[in-house]
Protein backbone atom coordinates (compact mmCIF):
# COMPACT_ATOMS: atom_id res chain seq x y z
CA MET A 1 -55.50 -21.51 28.62
CA VAL A 2 -53.50 -18.87 26.75
CA PHE A 3 -50.31 -19.17 24.74
CA PRO A 4 -48.36 -15.89 25.00
CA ASN A 5 -45.75 -15.07 22.38
CA ALA A 6 -45.05 -11.39 22.92
CA VAL A 7 -46.08 -8.66 25.32
CA ASP A 8 -49.79 -7.81 25.02
CA THR A 9 -50.32 -10.35 22.24
CA GLU A 10 -52.41 -13.03 23.87
CA PHE A 11 -56.04 -13.86 24.52
CA TYR A 12 -58.25 -16.81 25.29
CA ALA A 13 -60.90 -18.20 22.95
CA PRO A 14 -64.02 -19.12 24.96
CA CYS A 15 -65.88 -22.40 24.78
CA VAL A 16 -68.01 -23.00 21.70
CA ALA A 17 -70.59 -25.80 21.84
CA GLY A 18 -68.94 -27.16 24.97
CA VAL A 19 -65.53 -27.61 23.33
CA ARG A 20 -62.50 -25.84 24.77
CA ARG A 21 -60.76 -23.84 22.08
CA TYR A 22 -57.45 -22.02 22.12
CA LEU A 23 -55.61 -19.34 20.26
CA CYS A 24 -51.87 -19.16 19.76
CA LEU A 25 -50.47 -15.82 18.65
CA SER A 26 -47.31 -14.72 16.99
CA THR A 27 -46.14 -11.11 16.87
CA VAL A 28 -48.49 -8.27 15.96
CA VAL A 29 -48.00 -6.94 12.43
CA ASN A 30 -49.83 -3.84 11.15
CA VAL A 31 -50.18 -4.96 7.54
CA PRO A 32 -53.12 -6.17 5.41
CA MET A 33 -54.16 -9.56 6.72
CA ASP A 34 -56.00 -12.71 5.66
CA ILE A 35 -58.10 -14.83 8.00
CA ARG A 36 -58.57 -18.34 6.63
CA LEU A 37 -60.46 -21.23 8.15
CA GLN A 38 -61.82 -24.64 7.25
CA PHE A 39 -64.79 -26.38 8.80
CA ARG A 40 -67.09 -29.35 8.41
CA ASP A 41 -70.85 -29.08 8.77
CA GLU A 42 -72.92 -31.76 7.08
CA LEU A 43 -76.09 -29.74 7.65
CA LEU A 44 -74.84 -26.70 5.72
CA THR A 45 -75.47 -27.59 2.10
CA SER A 46 -73.97 -25.83 -0.90
CA THR A 47 -77.36 -24.41 -1.94
CA ASP A 48 -78.54 -23.20 1.47
CA PHE A 49 -77.65 -19.62 0.62
CA PRO A 50 -79.74 -18.02 3.41
CA ALA A 51 -77.85 -20.09 5.99
CA ILE A 52 -74.48 -19.37 4.36
CA LEU A 53 -75.18 -15.64 4.29
CA THR A 54 -76.42 -15.71 7.88
CA ARG A 55 -73.11 -17.14 9.03
CA ILE A 56 -71.18 -14.62 6.96
CA HIS A 57 -73.29 -11.82 8.43
CA HIS A 58 -72.19 -12.80 11.93
CA VAL A 59 -68.63 -11.95 10.93
CA ALA A 60 -69.67 -8.88 8.95
CA ALA A 61 -71.57 -7.54 11.97
CA ALA A 62 -68.47 -7.98 14.12
CA MET A 63 -66.48 -5.96 11.59
CA ALA A 64 -69.16 -3.25 11.60
CA SER A 65 -68.89 -3.05 15.39
CA ILE A 66 -65.24 -2.11 14.91
CA ASP A 67 -65.93 0.46 12.18
CA PRO A 68 -69.42 1.36 10.84
CA ARG A 69 -67.96 1.74 7.35
CA PHE A 70 -68.17 -2.05 7.17
CA ALA A 71 -71.92 -2.21 7.76
CA ASP A 72 -72.83 -2.55 4.06
CA TRP A 73 -71.78 -5.49 1.91
CA TYR A 74 -72.34 -6.30 -1.75
CA ALA A 75 -72.08 -9.36 -3.94
CA GLN A 76 -68.90 -9.37 -6.00
CA GLY A 77 -69.33 -8.86 -9.72
CA ASP A 78 -67.48 -8.81 -13.02
CA SER A 79 -67.91 -5.05 -13.47
CA ARG A 80 -68.15 -1.95 -11.27
CA GLU A 81 -71.88 -1.68 -11.94
CA GLU A 82 -72.54 -5.36 -11.22
CA ALA A 83 -70.46 -5.23 -8.02
CA HIS A 84 -72.77 -2.52 -6.62
CA MET A 85 -75.99 -4.11 -7.82
CA TYR A 86 -76.87 -6.54 -5.03
CA ARG A 87 -76.68 -5.79 -1.35
CA ALA A 88 -75.86 -8.86 0.71
CA PHE A 89 -78.05 -8.03 3.69
CA GLU A 90 -81.25 -6.13 4.36
CA ASN A 91 -82.06 -5.24 7.98
CA GLY A 92 -79.55 -7.80 9.19
CA GLN A 93 -81.01 -10.63 7.10
CA PRO A 94 -79.82 -12.23 3.86
CA SER A 95 -80.98 -10.22 0.86
CA ALA A 96 -83.79 -12.01 -1.00
CA ALA A 97 -82.46 -10.58 -4.27
CA LEU A 98 -78.96 -11.97 -3.71
CA VAL A 99 -80.33 -15.36 -2.65
CA ALA A 100 -82.31 -15.49 -5.90
CA VAL A 101 -79.21 -14.55 -7.92
CA LEU A 102 -77.13 -17.27 -6.25
CA ARG A 103 -79.81 -19.92 -6.80
CA HIS A 104 -79.98 -18.99 -10.48
CA ARG A 105 -76.19 -18.98 -10.85
CA TYR A 106 -75.82 -22.48 -9.44
CA ALA A 107 -79.05 -23.98 -10.79
CA ASN A 108 -77.23 -26.36 -13.15
CA ASP A 109 -74.28 -27.31 -10.97
CA SER A 110 -74.28 -26.81 -7.22
CA SER A 111 -71.61 -29.35 -6.25
CA PHE A 112 -69.44 -26.40 -5.23
CA THR A 113 -70.77 -22.91 -4.55
CA SER A 114 -68.96 -19.72 -3.65
CA VAL A 115 -70.45 -16.66 -1.96
CA GLY A 116 -68.11 -13.68 -2.26
CA LEU A 117 -68.84 -10.26 -0.76
CA TRP A 118 -67.04 -6.92 -0.63
CA ASP A 119 -67.60 -3.77 1.39
CA GLY A 120 -68.08 -1.44 -1.56
CA ASP A 121 -64.91 0.55 -0.94
CA GLU A 122 -63.04 0.86 -4.22
CA ASP A 123 -59.82 1.94 -2.53
CA PRO A 124 -57.57 -1.16 -2.74
CA ASP A 125 -55.88 -0.15 0.52
CA ALA A 126 -59.02 0.38 2.56
CA GLY A 127 -61.57 -2.34 1.82
CA ALA A 128 -62.33 -5.92 2.82
CA THR A 129 -63.75 -9.06 1.23
CA LEU A 130 -65.54 -12.12 2.61
CA ALA A 131 -65.75 -15.46 0.81
CA CYS A 132 -67.36 -18.78 1.73
CA LEU A 133 -66.88 -21.94 -0.34
CA ILE A 134 -69.19 -24.90 0.27
CA GLY A 135 -68.56 -28.17 -1.54
CA ASP A 136 -69.65 -31.77 -1.68
CA LYS A 137 -68.39 -32.53 1.88
CA PHE A 138 -65.60 -34.79 0.64
CA LEU A 139 -63.21 -31.97 1.54
CA PRO A 140 -63.73 -29.36 4.27
CA ASP A 141 -65.60 -26.17 3.46
CA SER A 142 -63.81 -22.86 3.84
CA PHE A 143 -64.28 -19.22 4.78
CA GLU A 144 -61.87 -16.35 4.24
CA VAL A 145 -61.68 -12.73 5.32
CA SER A 146 -59.28 -10.41 3.52
CA LEU A 147 -58.56 -7.17 5.37
CA TYR A 148 -56.86 -4.40 3.42
CA ASN A 149 -57.35 -1.56 5.92
CA ASP A 150 -54.52 -2.01 8.41
CA ALA A 151 -55.41 1.30 10.07
CA VAL A 152 -58.69 -0.26 11.23
CA PHE A 153 -57.83 -3.94 11.56
CA GLY A 154 -54.14 -3.84 12.40
CA GLU A 155 -54.71 -3.83 16.16
CA LEU A 156 -54.89 -7.01 18.21
CA LYS A 157 -58.29 -6.17 19.69
CA SER A 158 -59.86 -5.75 16.24
CA MET A 159 -58.44 -9.06 15.05
CA GLU A 160 -59.68 -10.75 18.22
CA VAL A 161 -63.24 -9.59 17.57
CA ILE A 162 -63.24 -10.86 13.97
CA VAL A 163 -61.59 -14.20 14.73
CA LEU A 164 -63.93 -14.96 17.61
CA ALA A 165 -66.95 -14.10 15.44
CA ALA A 166 -65.69 -16.50 12.77
CA ILE A 167 -65.23 -19.23 15.38
CA GLU A 168 -68.78 -18.72 16.63
CA ALA A 169 -70.21 -18.76 13.10
CA PHE A 170 -68.34 -21.73 11.64
CA ALA A 171 -66.86 -23.83 14.51
CA PRO A 172 -63.76 -24.38 12.35
CA ALA A 173 -61.08 -27.04 12.51
CA TYR A 174 -58.54 -24.21 12.47
CA VAL A 175 -58.18 -20.49 11.87
CA ALA A 176 -54.98 -19.06 10.41
CA VAL A 177 -54.25 -15.33 10.38
CA ALA A 178 -51.35 -14.04 8.33
CA PRO A 179 -50.29 -11.17 6.06
CA HIS A 180 -51.35 -11.40 2.42
CA ALA A 181 -47.81 -12.17 1.36
CA TYR A 182 -47.36 -15.03 3.80
CA ALA A 183 -48.82 -17.68 1.49
CA GLU A 184 -46.10 -16.93 -1.04
CA LYS A 185 -43.39 -17.38 1.58
CA GLN A 186 -44.83 -20.31 3.54
CA VAL A 187 -42.11 -22.93 3.97
CA PHE A 188 -44.24 -26.07 3.55
CA ASP A 189 -47.09 -25.96 1.02
CA ASP A 190 -48.66 -29.15 2.37
CA LYS A 191 -48.62 -28.16 6.05
CA LEU A 192 -50.67 -25.68 8.03
CA GLY A 193 -48.71 -22.45 8.56
CA VAL A 194 -48.77 -20.55 11.82
CA GLY A 195 -48.45 -17.09 10.28
CA TRP A 196 -49.41 -14.36 12.72
CA MET A 197 -51.99 -16.41 14.62
CA LEU A 198 -53.12 -20.02 14.63
CA TYR A 199 -56.31 -21.31 16.24
CA LEU A 200 -56.81 -25.03 16.88
CA PRO A 201 -59.91 -26.47 18.64
CA THR A 202 -57.89 -28.82 20.81
CA VAL A 203 -55.64 -28.95 23.82
CA ILE A 204 -52.03 -28.52 22.74
CA THR A 205 -49.74 -30.94 24.54
CA THR A 206 -46.06 -31.79 24.40
CA GLN A 207 -46.98 -34.81 22.28
CA LEU A 208 -47.48 -32.46 19.32
CA ASN A 209 -43.74 -31.86 19.36
CA ARG A 210 -42.89 -35.51 18.93
CA PRO A 211 -42.24 -37.20 15.58
CA GLY A 212 -45.43 -37.82 13.67
CA PHE A 213 -47.50 -35.73 16.15
CA GLY A 214 -48.85 -38.94 17.60
CA GLY A 215 -46.84 -39.16 20.76
CA GLY A 216 -44.86 -42.11 19.51
CA SER A 217 -41.15 -42.43 18.91
CA ASN A 218 -39.26 -43.16 15.73
CA SER A 219 -36.64 -45.13 17.61
């Protein structure tokens, strides 16, 4: 099933793990975009850095298939030198050096861990970042892609490739795609915004339009 919103702005998200999943698109906007998702996976612990990086690599590889400039990724750092020090992947696998750095960083407190990567492009209008936050499982974990190069990622097909790769890697509860500035203008802070695109792993029915989203009536 597909939910069209404008001409040539629709596509279908295939089944993942036997669950039918859908994408609902708004209008296409050629501006820097954020892709945000939340997911629950009890088997992915906050200190399993090889597994975390492997999932991130699935998305990074999809980005590299769009433009080879996004084939190399580095751990984020506090200085220019530190931010170029550790490659995230070697021959398609998590870098042993970065895994060691992450284990050392969170040796004393691993209740919440964050793995942040960047593509090494110092042009603020051309790069991209990837970030995965894994916590204590009381709240959902999260993954975020920030795309600053609208010349590469501003087309629908490019966004489709990245979003589907994120769905395959994380099986999220939702994926929201929106311009960077959308979060500042979102109407309801405590409700999920649609933005440019909203993915929900469920069948959308008319009951979602009723009060309380439960199909019941307030009368």
